Amino acid sequence: MRRADNNQAGFTLLEVIVALTITGFVLGSLFSLVGGSKQLSWRSEESLVQATRVRAAINFALLENEYSDVEEILQDDSYQIRALDLLEEPERKTQATVHAFQSYEVVNRERNEVIVGSRWIQLDLPQ
């Protein structure tokens, strides 16, 4: 009489290959996910630094004429501030003002950016 006991003492080669393949897919997707989030982190850090530079240039442009002794803190040459024409003065029935409204541009030629704004400036009027 033959015994029908067919006890296996381990995994077959096919089962091991399937398990390794599934593990490889899982690890590959995890590595690509971690790499993608690292690149996203670098890009968001770069855009945050860029936004800080733009904000500093705009703040300096707003303070430049009012406080002539203001010193630019950031040594960033990528942004140039150009004063544009004075904006049209409103018709006044009262005393003339020592302030005027002026437009300005903050230009970054490397990134092809132009930011336009307006600011109050103090005029040198005869007293």
Protein backbone atom coordinates (compact mmCIF):
# COMPACT_ATOMS: atom_id res chain seq x y z
CA MET A 1 0.00 0.00 0.00
CA ARG A 2 1.28 3.44 -1.00
CA ARG A 3 1.11 6.30 1.33
CA ALA A 4 -0.51 9.49 0.11
CA ASP A 5 1.50 11.68 2.49
CA ASN A 6 3.14 14.28 0.38
CA ASN A 7 4.62 16.59 3.04
CA GLN A 8 6.63 19.44 1.65
CA ALA A 9 9.37 20.85 3.82
CA GLY A 10 9.61 24.30 2.17
CA PHE A 11 8.54 26.63 -0.63
CA THR A 12 8.77 25.78 -4.27
CA LEU A 13 11.03 27.80 -6.55
CA LEU A 14 8.00 29.36 -8.24
CA GLU A 15 6.60 30.63 -4.93
CA VAL A 16 9.93 32.22 -4.01
CA ILE A 17 10.20 33.96 -7.41
CA VAL A 18 6.64 35.33 -7.12
CA ALA A 19 7.32 36.62 -3.57
CA LEU A 20 10.55 38.31 -4.68
CA THR A 21 8.81 39.91 -7.66
CA ILE A 22 6.02 41.33 -5.49
CA THR A 23 8.59 42.61 -2.97
CA GLY A 24 10.58 44.24 -5.78
CA PHE A 25 7.50 46.06 -7.09
CA VAL A 26 6.58 47.31 -3.62
CA LEU A 27 10.14 48.52 -2.86
CA GLY A 28 10.47 50.16 -6.29
CA SER A 29 7.26 52.11 -5.85
CA LEU A 30 8.32 53.19 -2.34
CA PHE A 31 11.71 54.42 -3.58
CA SER A 32 10.13 56.39 -6.44
CA LEU A 33 7.62 57.91 -4.00
CA VAL A 34 10.39 58.99 -1.61
CA GLY A 35 12.49 60.37 -4.49
CA GLY A 36 9.53 62.31 -5.88
CA SER A 37 8.72 63.86 -2.52
CA LYS A 38 12.37 64.88 -2.10
CA GLN A 39 12.33 66.62 -5.50
CA LEU A 40 9.06 68.33 -4.57
CA SER A 41 10.65 69.50 -1.33
CA TRP A 42 13.63 70.96 -3.20
CA ARG A 43 11.36 72.72 -5.67
CA SER A 44 9.15 74.19 -2.94
CA GLU A 45 12.23 75.39 -1.05
CA GLU A 46 13.53 77.05 -4.23
CA SER A 47 10.21 78.80 -4.86
CA LEU A 48 10.09 79.97 -1.22
CA VAL A 49 13.59 81.48 -1.53
CA GLN A 50 12.54 83.15 -4.81
CA ALA A 51 9.40 84.59 -3.23
CA THR A 52 11.47 85.95 -0.33
CA ARG A 53 13.87 87.66 -2.75
CA VAL A 54 10.98 89.23 -4.67
CA ARG A 55 9.34 90.43 -1.45
CA ALA A 56 12.63 91.95 -0.25
CA ALA A 57 13.10 93.78 -3.57
CA ILE A 58 9.53 95.13 -3.44
CA ASN A 59 9.95 96.26 0.17
CA PHE A 60 13.16 98.03 -0.75
CA ALA A 61 11.44 99.70 -3.71
CA LEU A 62 8.67 100.95 -1.44
CA LEU A 63 11.12 102.40 1.10
CA GLU A 64 13.78 103.65 -1.29
CA ASN A 65 12.53 107.19 -1.94
CA GLU A 66 10.90 107.84 1.40
CA TYR A 67 13.95 106.88 3.44
CA SER A 68 17.02 107.73 1.40
CA ASP A 69 19.36 106.23 3.97
CA VAL A 70 17.70 102.80 3.89
CA GLU A 71 20.25 100.11 3.12
CA GLU A 72 19.48 97.03 1.07
CA ILE A 73 20.04 94.03 3.32
CA LEU A 74 20.08 91.29 0.70
CA GLN A 75 23.02 91.37 -1.66
CA ASP A 76 20.96 90.06 -4.56
CA ASP A 77 21.75 91.51 -7.96
CA SER A 78 19.10 89.53 -9.81
CA TYR A 79 16.42 92.20 -9.27
CA GLN A 80 16.75 95.77 -10.50
CA ILE A 81 14.37 98.48 -9.32
CA ARG A 82 13.46 101.16 -11.87
CA ALA A 83 11.44 104.24 -11.03
CA LEU A 84 8.88 105.10 -13.68
CA ASP A 85 6.90 108.30 -14.27
CA LEU A 86 4.91 110.09 -11.64
CA LEU A 87 1.25 109.23 -11.84
CA GLU A 88 -1.21 111.97 -12.63
CA GLU A 89 -1.74 114.31 -9.75
CA PRO A 90 -5.34 114.91 -8.73
CA GLU A 91 -6.63 118.45 -9.13
CA ARG A 92 -6.39 120.16 -5.74
CA LYS A 93 -8.28 123.13 -4.43
CA THR A 94 -6.15 123.25 -1.29
CA GLN A 95 -2.48 123.54 -0.46
CA ALA A 96 -0.01 121.56 -2.59
CA THR A 97 1.26 118.33 -1.12
CA VAL A 98 4.87 117.25 -0.70
CA HIS A 99 4.01 113.71 -1.72
CA ALA A 100 3.38 112.22 -5.14
CA PHE A 101 2.36 108.84 -6.46
CA GLN A 102 5.00 107.09 -8.59
CA SER A 103 5.02 103.79 -10.41
CA TYR A 104 8.04 101.47 -10.32
CA GLU A 105 9.21 98.17 -11.79
CA VAL A 106 11.15 95.33 -10.20
CA VAL A 107 12.85 93.47 -13.07
CA ASN A 108 14.59 90.10 -13.12
CA ARG A 109 16.09 89.51 -16.56
CA GLU A 110 17.20 85.93 -15.82
CA ARG A 111 13.67 84.74 -15.08
CA ASN A 112 12.02 87.24 -17.44
CA GLU A 113 9.93 88.70 -14.60
CA VAL A 114 8.59 92.23 -14.36
CA ILE A 115 6.68 93.29 -11.26
CA VAL A 116 4.96 96.69 -11.46
CA GLY A 117 3.83 98.61 -8.43
CA SER A 118 3.20 102.10 -7.15
CA ARG A 119 4.49 104.01 -4.16
CA TRP A 120 4.26 107.37 -2.46
CA ILE A 121 7.38 109.50 -2.77
CA GLN A 122 8.36 112.70 -1.04
CA LEU A 123 8.95 115.63 -3.38
CA ASP A 124 11.56 118.33 -2.87
CA LEU A 125 9.39 121.40 -3.04
CA PRO A 126 10.65 124.92 -2.36
CA GLN A 127 9.55 126.14 1.05
